[in-house]
Amino acid sequence: MKSTLILTSCLALLAGCAATTDSYCDIASPILFDTQRTVEWLARNDLGLLTDVIVHNEQVSGLCGKRSGL
């Protein structure tokens, strides 16, 4: 009885585990804007955010080979 309980507990703990590759590229994707108008608005009103998005997209492209389409 005790061994069955231990086995069941171990299986329950392992059931929540998922295999991962620990690769940034598995979860990273470029950040895209809907229109050129959005980019223009950010350039006027939040240049820091626009810069951060561009840096992110360049990192994803360089590390993972994913293109931003811009």
N, C-alpha and C. Protein backbone atom coordinates (compact mmCIF):
# COMPACT_ATOMS: atom_id res chain seq x y z
N MET A 1 0.83 -1.19 0.00
CA MET A 1 0.00 0.00 0.00
C MET A 1 0.88 1.26 0.00
N LYS A 2 1.91 1.25 0.85
CA LYS A 2 2.78 2.41 0.95
C LYS A 2 3.54 2.63 -0.36
N SER A 3 4.03 1.56 -0.98
CA SER A 3 4.77 1.70 -2.23
C SER A 3 3.86 2.20 -3.36
N THR A 4 2.60 1.79 -3.34
CA THR A 4 1.65 2.25 -4.35
C THR A 4 1.41 3.76 -4.20
N LEU A 5 1.31 4.21 -2.97
CA LEU A 5 1.11 5.63 -2.70
C LEU A 5 2.32 6.44 -3.15
N ILE A 6 3.50 5.95 -2.88
CA ILE A 6 4.73 6.64 -3.29
C ILE A 6 4.83 6.68 -4.81
N LEU A 7 4.54 5.58 -5.46
CA LEU A 7 4.59 5.52 -6.92
C LEU A 7 3.57 6.47 -7.53
N THR A 8 2.38 6.49 -6.99
CA THR A 8 1.33 7.37 -7.49
C THR A 8 1.74 8.83 -7.31
N SER A 9 2.33 9.15 -6.18
CA SER A 9 2.78 10.52 -5.92
C SER A 9 3.86 10.94 -6.91
N CYS A 10 4.80 10.07 -7.16
CA CYS A 10 5.88 10.37 -8.12
C CYS A 10 5.32 10.57 -9.52
N LEU A 11 4.41 9.72 -9.93
CA LEU A 11 3.82 9.85 -11.26
C LEU A 11 3.02 11.15 -11.38
N ALA A 12 2.34 11.52 -10.32
CA ALA A 12 1.58 12.77 -10.34
C ALA A 12 2.51 13.98 -10.48
N LEU A 13 3.65 13.94 -9.83
CA LEU A 13 4.61 15.03 -9.93
C LEU A 13 5.22 15.11 -11.33
N LEU A 14 5.50 13.97 -11.92
CA LEU A 14 6.11 13.94 -13.25
C LEU A 14 5.13 14.28 -14.36
N ALA A 15 3.86 14.11 -14.11
CA ALA A 15 2.85 14.37 -15.14
C ALA A 15 2.83 15.83 -15.56
N GLY A 16 3.23 16.73 -14.67
CA GLY A 16 3.23 18.15 -14.98
C GLY A 16 4.48 18.61 -15.72
N CYS A 17 5.44 17.76 -15.91
CA CYS A 17 6.68 18.14 -16.56
C CYS A 17 6.52 18.10 -18.08
N ALA A 18 7.17 19.06 -18.73
CA ALA A 18 7.16 19.10 -20.19
C ALA A 18 8.60 19.19 -20.67
N ALA A 19 8.85 18.63 -21.79
CA ALA A 19 10.19 18.67 -22.35
C ALA A 19 10.45 20.06 -22.95
N THR A 20 11.58 20.64 -22.63
CA THR A 20 11.97 21.92 -23.19
C THR A 20 13.36 21.80 -23.77
N THR A 21 13.66 22.70 -24.67
CA THR A 21 15.00 22.70 -25.26
C THR A 21 15.87 23.81 -24.67
N ASP A 22 15.29 24.64 -23.82
CA ASP A 22 16.01 25.76 -23.22
C ASP A 22 16.61 26.69 -24.27
N SER A 23 15.89 26.90 -25.34
CA SER A 23 16.36 27.77 -26.41
C SER A 23 15.51 29.03 -26.47
N TYR A 24 16.16 30.16 -26.48
CA TYR A 24 15.48 31.45 -26.62
C TYR A 24 14.64 31.48 -27.89
N CYS A 25 15.15 30.85 -28.93
CA CYS A 25 14.48 30.88 -30.23
C CYS A 25 13.16 30.10 -30.24
N ASP A 26 12.96 29.22 -29.28
CA ASP A 26 11.69 28.49 -29.21
C ASP A 26 10.53 29.42 -28.84
N ILE A 27 10.82 30.48 -28.11
CA ILE A 27 9.74 31.36 -27.66
C ILE A 27 9.82 32.76 -28.24
N ALA A 28 10.94 33.13 -28.82
CA ALA A 28 11.11 34.49 -29.33
C ALA A 28 10.48 34.64 -30.71
N SER A 29 9.89 35.79 -30.91
CA SER A 29 9.36 36.12 -32.24
C SER A 29 9.45 37.63 -32.40
N PRO A 30 9.53 38.09 -33.64
CA PRO A 30 9.60 39.53 -33.87
C PRO A 30 8.31 40.22 -33.41
N ILE A 31 8.45 41.47 -33.02
CA ILE A 31 7.30 42.29 -32.66
C ILE A 31 6.95 43.11 -33.90
N LEU A 32 5.75 42.92 -34.40
CA LEU A 32 5.33 43.59 -35.63
C LEU A 32 4.28 44.65 -35.34
N PHE A 33 4.28 45.70 -36.15
CA PHE A 33 3.27 46.75 -36.05
C PHE A 33 2.26 46.57 -37.17
N ASP A 34 1.02 46.97 -36.91
CA ASP A 34 -0.04 46.81 -37.90
C ASP A 34 0.15 47.73 -39.10
N THR A 35 0.55 48.96 -38.84
CA THR A 35 0.66 49.92 -39.94
C THR A 35 1.90 50.79 -39.78
N GLN A 36 2.27 51.43 -40.86
CA GLN A 36 3.36 52.40 -40.84
C GLN A 36 2.99 53.58 -39.95
N ARG A 37 1.73 53.87 -39.87
CA ARG A 37 1.25 54.97 -39.02
C ARG A 37 1.62 54.75 -37.55
N THR A 38 1.57 53.49 -37.10
CA THR A 38 1.97 53.16 -35.73
C THR A 38 3.44 53.48 -35.51
N VAL A 39 4.26 53.12 -36.46
CA VAL A 39 5.70 53.39 -36.37
C VAL A 39 5.95 54.89 -36.32
N GLU A 40 5.25 55.63 -37.16
CA GLU A 40 5.41 57.08 -37.18
C GLU A 40 4.98 57.71 -35.85
N TRP A 41 3.88 57.22 -35.28
CA TRP A 41 3.40 57.73 -34.00
C TRP A 41 4.43 57.46 -32.91
N LEU A 42 4.97 56.24 -32.89
CA LEU A 42 5.98 55.91 -31.88
C LEU A 42 7.23 56.76 -32.06
N ALA A 43 7.62 57.03 -33.29
CA ALA A 43 8.80 57.86 -33.54
C ALA A 43 8.61 59.26 -32.98
N ARG A 44 7.38 59.77 -33.01
CA ARG A 44 7.10 61.10 -32.47
C ARG A 44 6.87 61.09 -30.96
N ASN A 45 6.25 60.04 -30.43
CA ASN A 45 5.76 60.06 -29.06
C ASN A 45 6.46 59.13 -28.08
N ASP A 46 7.09 58.06 -28.56
CA ASP A 46 7.76 57.11 -27.65
C ASP A 46 8.94 56.46 -28.37
N LEU A 47 9.94 57.28 -28.61
CA LEU A 47 11.12 56.80 -29.34
C LEU A 47 11.83 55.69 -28.60
N GLY A 48 11.79 55.70 -27.27
CA GLY A 48 12.43 54.64 -26.48
C GLY A 48 11.81 53.29 -26.75
N LEU A 49 10.48 53.22 -26.78
CA LEU A 49 9.80 51.95 -27.07
C LEU A 49 10.10 51.49 -28.49
N LEU A 50 10.06 52.40 -29.44
CA LEU A 50 10.36 52.04 -30.83
C LEU A 50 11.77 51.48 -30.94
N THR A 51 12.71 52.12 -30.26
CA THR A 51 14.10 51.64 -30.27
C THR A 51 14.21 50.26 -29.65
N ASP A 52 13.53 50.04 -28.54
CA ASP A 52 13.55 48.72 -27.89
C ASP A 52 12.98 47.63 -28.79
N VAL A 53 11.92 47.94 -29.51
CA VAL A 53 11.31 46.96 -30.41
C VAL A 53 12.26 46.64 -31.56
N ILE A 54 12.92 47.66 -32.10
CA ILE A 54 13.87 47.44 -33.19
C ILE A 54 15.04 46.59 -32.71
N VAL A 55 15.56 46.89 -31.54
CA VAL A 55 16.67 46.10 -30.97
C VAL A 55 16.23 44.65 -30.78
N HIS A 56 15.04 44.45 -30.22
CA HIS A 56 14.52 43.09 -30.03
C HIS A 56 14.43 42.36 -31.35
N ASN A 57 13.85 43.00 -32.36
CA ASN A 57 13.68 42.35 -33.66
C ASN A 57 15.03 42.00 -34.29
N GLU A 58 16.02 42.86 -34.13
CA GLU A 58 17.35 42.57 -34.67
C GLU A 58 18.00 41.41 -33.92
N GLN A 59 17.78 41.32 -32.61
CA GLN A 59 18.33 40.21 -31.84
C GLN A 59 17.68 38.89 -32.27
N VAL A 60 16.37 38.88 -32.42
CA VAL A 60 15.68 37.66 -32.85
C VAL A 60 16.17 37.25 -34.23
N SER A 61 16.31 38.20 -35.12
CA SER A 61 16.79 37.90 -36.48
C SER A 61 18.22 37.35 -36.45
N GLY A 62 19.08 37.99 -35.66
CA GLY A 62 20.47 37.57 -35.61
C GLY A 62 20.68 36.22 -34.94
N LEU A 63 19.95 35.99 -33.85
CA LEU A 63 20.13 34.74 -33.10
C LEU A 63 19.36 33.57 -33.68
N CYS A 64 18.19 33.86 -34.23
CA CYS A 64 17.28 32.77 -34.61
C CYS A 64 17.02 32.71 -36.11
N GLY A 65 17.42 33.72 -36.83
CA GLY A 65 17.17 33.73 -38.26
C GLY A 65 15.74 34.06 -38.64
N LYS A 66 14.94 34.53 -37.67
CA LYS A 66 13.55 34.90 -37.97
C LYS A 66 13.53 36.34 -38.43
N ARG A 67 12.89 36.57 -39.56
CA ARG A 67 12.79 37.92 -40.12
C ARG A 67 11.57 38.62 -39.60
N SER A 68 11.69 39.94 -39.43
CA SER A 68 10.58 40.73 -38.91
C SER A 68 9.57 41.09 -39.98
N GLY A 69 9.95 41.04 -41.23
CA GLY A 69 9.03 41.38 -42.30
C GLY A 69 8.89 42.88 -42.49
N LEU A 70 9.71 43.66 -41.81
CA LEU A 70 9.63 45.11 -41.97
C LEU A 70 10.63 45.60 -42.96
